[in-house]
Protein backbone atom coordinates (compact mmCIF):
# COMPACT_ATOMS: atom_id res chain seq x y z
CA UNK A 1 -109.82 -132.49 -28.93
CA UNK A 2 -109.15 -133.38 -32.27
CA UNK A 3 -107.37 -136.22 -34.16
CA UNK A 4 -105.50 -135.90 -37.44
CA UNK A 5 -106.55 -138.34 -40.13
CA UNK A 6 -105.18 -137.13 -43.70
CA UNK A 7 -103.86 -133.94 -44.69
CA UNK A 8 -106.72 -131.38 -44.07
CA UNK A 9 -109.05 -133.50 -42.16
CA UNK A 10 -109.60 -133.75 -38.41
CA UNK A 11 -112.29 -135.16 -35.97
CA UNK A 12 -113.25 -132.59 -33.41
CA UNK A 13 -115.38 -133.42 -30.21
CA UNK A 14 -117.64 -130.54 -29.71
CA UNK A 15 -119.41 -130.14 -26.41
CA UNK A 16 -122.93 -129.34 -26.24
CA UNK A 17 -124.99 -127.25 -24.18
CA UNK A 18 -126.72 -129.91 -22.48
CA UNK A 19 -123.49 -131.69 -21.55
CA UNK A 20 -123.63 -134.34 -24.37
CA UNK A 21 -120.69 -134.40 -26.96
CA UNK A 22 -120.94 -134.04 -30.75
CA UNK A 23 -118.21 -135.68 -32.80
CA UNK A 24 -117.36 -133.87 -36.02
CA UNK A 25 -115.42 -134.35 -38.96
CA UNK A 26 -114.13 -131.06 -40.17
CA UNK A 27 -111.93 -130.00 -43.48
CA UNK A 28 -111.11 -126.44 -43.99
CA UNK A 29 -111.08 -123.12 -42.11
CA UNK A 30 -113.47 -120.84 -44.08
CA UNK A 31 -116.37 -119.08 -42.38
CA UNK A 32 -119.03 -120.40 -44.47
CA UNK A 33 -119.52 -124.21 -44.54
CA UNK A 34 -121.14 -127.21 -46.04
CA UNK A 35 -123.14 -129.13 -43.27
CA UNK A 36 -123.20 -132.61 -44.71
CA UNK A 37 -125.42 -135.06 -43.19
CA UNK A 38 -125.18 -138.55 -44.05
CA UNK A 39 -127.42 -141.51 -44.42
CA UNK A 40 -128.41 -144.26 -42.04
CA UNK A 41 -126.12 -145.99 -40.84
CA UNK A 42 -123.28 -143.85 -41.71
CA UNK A 43 -120.68 -141.96 -39.75
CA UNK A 44 -118.01 -139.72 -41.48
CA UNK A 45 -114.61 -140.61 -43.29
CA UNK A 46 -112.39 -138.31 -45.24
CA UNK A 47 -113.91 -137.75 -48.74
CA UNK A 48 -111.57 -136.21 -51.40
CA UNK A 49 -114.23 -135.63 -53.91
CA UNK A 50 -116.01 -133.51 -51.05
CA UNK A 51 -112.96 -131.70 -50.13
CA UNK A 52 -112.04 -130.62 -53.56
CA UNK A 53 -115.47 -129.62 -54.50
CA UNK A 54 -115.98 -127.53 -51.24
CA UNK A 55 -112.31 -126.07 -51.62
CA UNK A 56 -113.19 -124.95 -55.11
CA UNK A 57 -116.45 -123.21 -53.82
CA UNK A 58 -114.90 -121.65 -50.81
CA UNK A 59 -116.60 -123.87 -48.16
CA UNK A 60 -115.61 -125.48 -45.03
CA UNK A 61 -116.80 -129.32 -44.83
CA UNK A 62 -118.51 -130.06 -41.34
CA UNK A 63 -119.93 -133.38 -40.70
CA UNK A 64 -121.78 -133.73 -37.44
CA UNK A 65 -122.05 -137.28 -36.41
CA UNK A 66 -125.48 -137.43 -35.12
CA UNK A 67 -126.11 -138.73 -31.56
CA UNK A 68 -125.23 -142.12 -30.82
CA UNK A 69 -122.99 -142.63 -34.13
CA UNK A 70 -119.12 -142.59 -33.47
CA UNK A 71 -118.21 -140.73 -30.42
CA UNK A 72 -121.28 -138.45 -30.36
CA UNK A 73 -123.16 -138.93 -27.14
CA UNK A 74 -126.54 -141.00 -27.79
CA UNK A 75 -129.79 -139.05 -27.06
CA UNK A 76 -132.34 -141.44 -26.73
CA UNK A 77 -136.02 -140.55 -28.05
CA UNK A 78 -134.49 -137.77 -30.32
CA UNK A 79 -136.59 -136.23 -33.07
CA UNK A 80 -135.84 -134.81 -36.27
CA UNK A 81 -136.40 -131.37 -34.77
CA UNK A 82 -133.93 -132.02 -32.13
CA UNK A 83 -130.85 -132.17 -34.45
CA UNK A 84 -130.68 -128.80 -35.62
CA UNK A 85 -129.91 -127.20 -32.24
CA UNK A 86 -126.93 -129.50 -32.22
CA UNK A 87 -125.80 -128.26 -35.41
CA UNK A 88 -126.28 -124.71 -34.31
CA UNK A 89 -124.07 -125.06 -31.41
CA UNK A 90 -121.54 -127.04 -33.48
CA UNK A 91 -121.02 -124.34 -36.16
CA UNK A 92 -121.03 -121.76 -33.57
CA UNK A 93 -117.93 -123.42 -31.52
CA UNK A 94 -116.31 -123.87 -35.07
CA UNK A 95 -116.65 -120.12 -35.93
CA UNK A 96 -118.75 -120.86 -39.02
CA UNK A 97 -120.95 -117.78 -39.50
CA UNK A 98 -123.66 -119.56 -41.86
CA UNK A 99 -123.85 -122.91 -43.99
CA UNK A 100 -125.80 -124.90 -46.13
CA UNK A 101 -126.81 -128.40 -45.41
CA UNK A 102 -127.06 -131.20 -47.77
CA UNK A 103 -128.38 -134.46 -46.39
CA UNK A 104 -129.17 -137.85 -48.10
CA UNK A 105 -131.16 -140.86 -46.99
CA UNK A 106 -131.49 -140.99 -43.38
CA UNK A 107 -129.75 -137.58 -43.50
CA UNK A 108 -132.17 -136.08 -46.05
CA UNK A 109 -135.23 -135.38 -43.28
CA UNK A 110 -132.35 -134.05 -40.91
CA UNK A 111 -131.13 -131.67 -43.50
CA UNK A 112 -134.86 -130.42 -44.14
CA UNK A 113 -135.36 -130.26 -40.07
CA UNK A 114 -132.41 -128.07 -40.13
CA UNK A 115 -133.64 -125.91 -43.02
CA UNK A 116 -136.74 -125.57 -41.01
CA UNK A 117 -135.01 -124.86 -37.60
CA UNK A 118 -131.66 -123.60 -37.78
CA UNK A 119 -131.41 -119.84 -38.38
CA UNK A 120 -127.65 -119.98 -39.82
CA UNK A 121 -128.94 -122.47 -42.32
CA UNK A 122 -129.53 -120.35 -45.56
CA UNK A 123 -130.37 -123.45 -48.01
CA UNK A 124 -130.57 -126.97 -47.95
CA UNK A 125 -130.56 -130.08 -49.97
CA UNK A 126 -132.68 -133.18 -49.43
CA UNK A 127 -131.34 -136.09 -51.41
CA UNK A 128 -133.04 -139.43 -52.01
CA UNK A 129 -134.85 -139.00 -48.88
CA UNK A 130 -137.79 -140.83 -46.93
CA UNK A 131 -140.77 -138.89 -46.38
CA UNK A 132 -142.74 -138.54 -42.79
CA UNK A 133 -143.90 -141.89 -42.05
CA UNK A 134 -147.53 -140.47 -41.83
CA UNK A 135 -147.32 -138.95 -45.44
CA UNK A 136 -150.98 -138.80 -46.60
CA UNK A 137 -151.53 -140.29 -49.89
CA UNK A 138 -148.11 -141.79 -50.24
CA UNK A 139 -147.93 -145.65 -50.48
CA UNK A 140 -144.84 -145.75 -48.20
CA UNK A 141 -143.56 -149.12 -49.07
CA UNK A 142 -144.23 -148.93 -52.84
CA UNK A 143 -140.89 -149.66 -54.89
CA UNK A 144 -139.05 -150.37 -51.48
CA UNK A 145 -136.59 -153.47 -51.61
CA UNK A 146 -137.59 -156.39 -49.40
CA UNK A 147 -134.31 -155.91 -47.27
CA UNK A 148 -135.28 -151.98 -46.51
CA UNK A 149 -138.95 -152.94 -45.88
CA UNK A 150 -138.09 -155.44 -43.32
CA UNK A 151 -136.28 -152.87 -41.28
CA UNK A 152 -138.81 -150.21 -41.74
CA UNK A 153 -141.46 -152.66 -40.80
CA UNK A 154 -139.54 -153.50 -37.73
CA UNK A 155 -139.14 -149.80 -36.75
CA UNK A 156 -142.85 -149.05 -37.19
CA UNK A 157 -143.59 -151.89 -34.76
CA UNK A 158 -141.43 -149.91 -32.10
CA UNK A 159 -137.86 -149.87 -30.67
CA UNK A 160 -138.26 -153.42 -29.03
CA UNK A 161 -138.78 -154.97 -32.50
CA UNK A 162 -136.32 -153.31 -34.40
CA UNK A 163 -133.11 -153.50 -31.98
CA UNK A 164 -132.62 -157.09 -32.41
CA UNK A 165 -132.44 -156.86 -36.11
CA UNK A 166 -130.14 -153.68 -35.82
CA UNK A 167 -128.07 -155.49 -33.34
CA UNK A 168 -127.45 -158.67 -35.39
CA UNK A 169 -126.80 -156.98 -38.69
CA UNK A 170 -124.61 -154.07 -36.92
CA UNK A 171 -122.28 -156.90 -35.54
CA UNK A 172 -121.98 -158.67 -39.27
CA UNK A 173 -121.49 -154.91 -40.95
CA UNK A 174 -118.62 -154.27 -38.01
CA UNK A 175 -117.08 -157.26 -38.92
CA UNK A 176 -117.04 -156.86 -42.70
CA UNK A 177 -118.48 -153.20 -43.64
CA UNK A 178 -118.43 -153.32 -47.36
CA UNK A 179 -119.15 -157.06 -47.87
CA UNK A 180 -121.74 -157.52 -45.34
CA UNK A 181 -123.47 -154.26 -46.02
CA UNK A 182 -124.00 -155.17 -49.77
CA UNK A 183 -124.98 -158.82 -48.80
CA UNK A 184 -127.75 -157.25 -46.62
CA UNK A 185 -128.84 -154.52 -49.08
CA UNK A 186 -128.25 -156.21 -52.28
CA UNK A 187 -131.61 -156.30 -53.34
CA UNK A 188 -131.91 -152.75 -53.22
CA UNK A 189 -128.66 -151.91 -55.40
CA UNK A 190 -129.11 -151.33 -59.17
CA UNK A 191 -125.89 -151.47 -61.31
CA UNK A 192 -125.18 -147.67 -61.00
CA UNK A 193 -125.23 -147.98 -57.20
CA UNK A 194 -122.98 -151.10 -57.11
CA UNK A 195 -120.55 -149.15 -59.32
CA UNK A 196 -120.18 -146.50 -56.42
CA UNK A 197 -119.57 -149.06 -53.90
CA UNK A 198 -116.92 -151.01 -56.20
CA UNK A 199 -115.06 -147.59 -57.08
CA UNK A 200 -115.15 -145.98 -53.60
CA UNK A 201 -115.12 -149.27 -51.18
CA UNK A 202 -112.55 -147.60 -49.02
CA UNK A 203 -114.71 -144.47 -48.24
CA UNK A 204 -117.89 -146.54 -47.87
CA UNK A 205 -116.61 -148.75 -45.55
CA UNK A 206 -114.77 -146.52 -43.34
CA UNK A 207 -118.06 -144.50 -42.96
CA UNK A 208 -119.96 -147.42 -41.89
CA UNK A 209 -117.03 -148.46 -39.45
CA UNK A 210 -117.01 -145.25 -37.96
CA UNK A 211 -120.95 -145.17 -37.48
CA UNK A 212 -120.92 -148.53 -35.57
CA UNK A 213 -117.83 -148.33 -33.65
CA UNK A 214 -119.41 -147.81 -30.67
CA UNK A 215 -122.55 -149.92 -31.37
CA UNK A 216 -125.87 -149.55 -33.01
CA UNK A 217 -127.52 -146.47 -30.92
CA UNK A 218 -127.01 -143.86 -33.93
CA UNK A 219 -128.65 -146.32 -36.31
CA UNK A 220 -131.43 -147.33 -33.78
CA UNK A 221 -132.34 -143.78 -32.71
CA UNK A 222 -132.18 -142.78 -36.61
CA UNK A 223 -134.87 -145.46 -37.39
CA UNK A 224 -137.13 -144.48 -34.37
CA UNK A 225 -136.81 -140.73 -35.63
CA UNK A 226 -137.66 -141.66 -39.11
CA UNK A 227 -140.74 -143.66 -38.23
CA UNK A 228 -142.16 -141.38 -35.63
CA UNK A 229 -143.35 -137.51 -35.79
CA UNK A 230 -140.71 -135.23 -37.08
CA UNK A 231 -141.45 -132.34 -34.74
CA UNK A 232 -142.07 -129.70 -37.67
CA UNK A 233 -144.46 -129.11 -40.26
CA UNK A 234 -143.08 -129.40 -43.92
CA UNK A 235 -145.40 -126.69 -45.29
CA UNK A 236 -143.85 -124.19 -42.48
CA UNK A 237 -140.07 -124.43 -44.35
CA UNK A 238 -139.24 -121.08 -45.91
CA UNK A 239 -135.51 -121.43 -45.99
CA UNK A 240 -134.76 -122.37 -49.86
CA UNK A 241 -134.93 -126.35 -50.27
CA UNK A 242 -133.80 -128.57 -53.24
CA UNK A 243 -135.24 -132.03 -53.52
CA UNK A 244 -132.93 -134.40 -55.58
CA UNK A 245 -134.24 -138.21 -56.37
CA UNK A 246 -133.08 -141.00 -58.77
CA UNK A 247 -135.71 -143.09 -60.32
CA UNK A 248 -133.82 -146.32 -60.15
CA UNK A 249 -133.78 -145.73 -56.11
CA UNK A 250 -134.67 -149.09 -54.57
CA UNK A 251 -134.16 -148.15 -51.07
CA UNK A 252 -136.51 -145.32 -51.10
CA UNK A 253 -139.05 -144.69 -53.86
CA UNK A 254 -138.36 -141.24 -55.81
CA UNK A 255 -141.85 -140.89 -55.04
CA UNK A 256 -141.24 -139.96 -51.33
CA UNK A 257 -139.02 -137.00 -52.48
CA UNK A 258 -141.67 -135.82 -54.96
CA UNK A 259 -144.32 -136.11 -52.21
CA UNK A 260 -142.19 -133.66 -49.98
CA UNK A 261 -141.44 -131.26 -52.68
CA UNK A 262 -145.23 -130.81 -52.95
CA UNK A 263 -145.61 -129.75 -49.37
CA UNK A 264 -143.12 -126.98 -49.53
CA UNK A 265 -144.06 -123.81 -51.72
CA UNK A 266 -141.17 -122.61 -53.76
CA UNK A 267 -139.11 -125.68 -53.35
CA UNK A 268 -137.06 -127.31 -56.36
CA UNK A 269 -137.22 -131.26 -57.49
CA UNK A 270 -134.73 -132.93 -59.48
CA UNK A 271 -135.64 -136.45 -60.68
CA UNK A 272 -132.86 -138.07 -62.49
CA UNK A 273 -133.20 -141.25 -64.57
CA UNK A 274 -130.16 -142.54 -64.75
CA UNK A 275 -129.42 -142.35 -60.93
CA UNK A 276 -130.35 -144.81 -57.95
CA UNK A 277 -129.76 -144.26 -53.99
CA UNK A 278 -125.74 -143.89 -53.92
CA UNK A 279 -125.00 -142.71 -57.29
CA UNK A 280 -126.73 -139.27 -57.50
CA UNK A 281 -124.97 -137.24 -54.80
CA UNK A 282 -121.66 -138.49 -55.91
CA UNK A 283 -122.30 -137.70 -59.65
CA UNK A 284 -123.94 -134.33 -59.24
CA UNK A 285 -122.11 -132.95 -56.09
CA UNK A 286 -120.64 -129.70 -57.75
CA UNK A 287 -124.09 -128.96 -59.32
CA UNK A 288 -125.87 -129.88 -56.28
CA UNK A 289 -123.94 -127.64 -54.08
CA UNK A 290 -123.35 -124.85 -56.56
CA UNK A 291 -127.31 -124.54 -56.71
CA UNK A 292 -127.39 -124.29 -52.68
CA UNK A 293 -124.72 -121.44 -53.16
CA UNK A 294 -127.19 -119.59 -55.52
CA UNK A 295 -130.23 -120.34 -53.16
CA UNK A 296 -128.34 -118.80 -50.25
CA UNK A 297 -127.51 -115.62 -52.09
CA UNK A 298 -123.44 -115.99 -51.87
């Protein structure tokens, strides 16, 4: 099933081997693809910049919505290590031979898991990403804005603690996606990130609305997956990986990204002084994807 949105874009409902369904936003028909893994909470909305860059690089855009987001079937108790199998099934159904992965924020660990566990993934970018909750020697909350700290602290306490918080704020964001998201996270938004939202409010709002159109299950499952064991060891990752972070990030300190880069031999680390949490991938998308293509050997 597909629904046409804008020229060249469609939503696909892809059946998975265990009977669940994954909703996927697709642009293009190339055999090689970028699997784009959005943050938490975020669904998928047509993105002219992403389409333009990927068209120039000869890549199909494939954006799988993780379980519980949009029309993707929830998968309670999922771990990071469970998502790469869904992605392999999706790309096979779409006729993609091999792909690169790029994930930011809550999508970052999922991109790393994809590099670790998906054979068709040839290189991965992990952008402004949190580290594992049990990262040894990392002060997890250092540099994190109070609004994000509150959510993570509740997730640390378990499902019963964080779900009411997500239900309350999820309802507010559904009512006014951009305005209430900014109100909730304003203490984490430096000027460089506020400029991204102001300049691209339609896409940001559409992504949030898509993520939460059937409730907060995807957001809830992400929070639990982020704060419990990921199901794979970082040093075991052999697929080429690049880590990217902004020094102005107040959602997740760039020290998280630096810590992960140290765990994976041969990985690259890019720390950008002028960027925050939302601005980096938008500003550096051609460079980031070009680097992945080189790493993939294409």
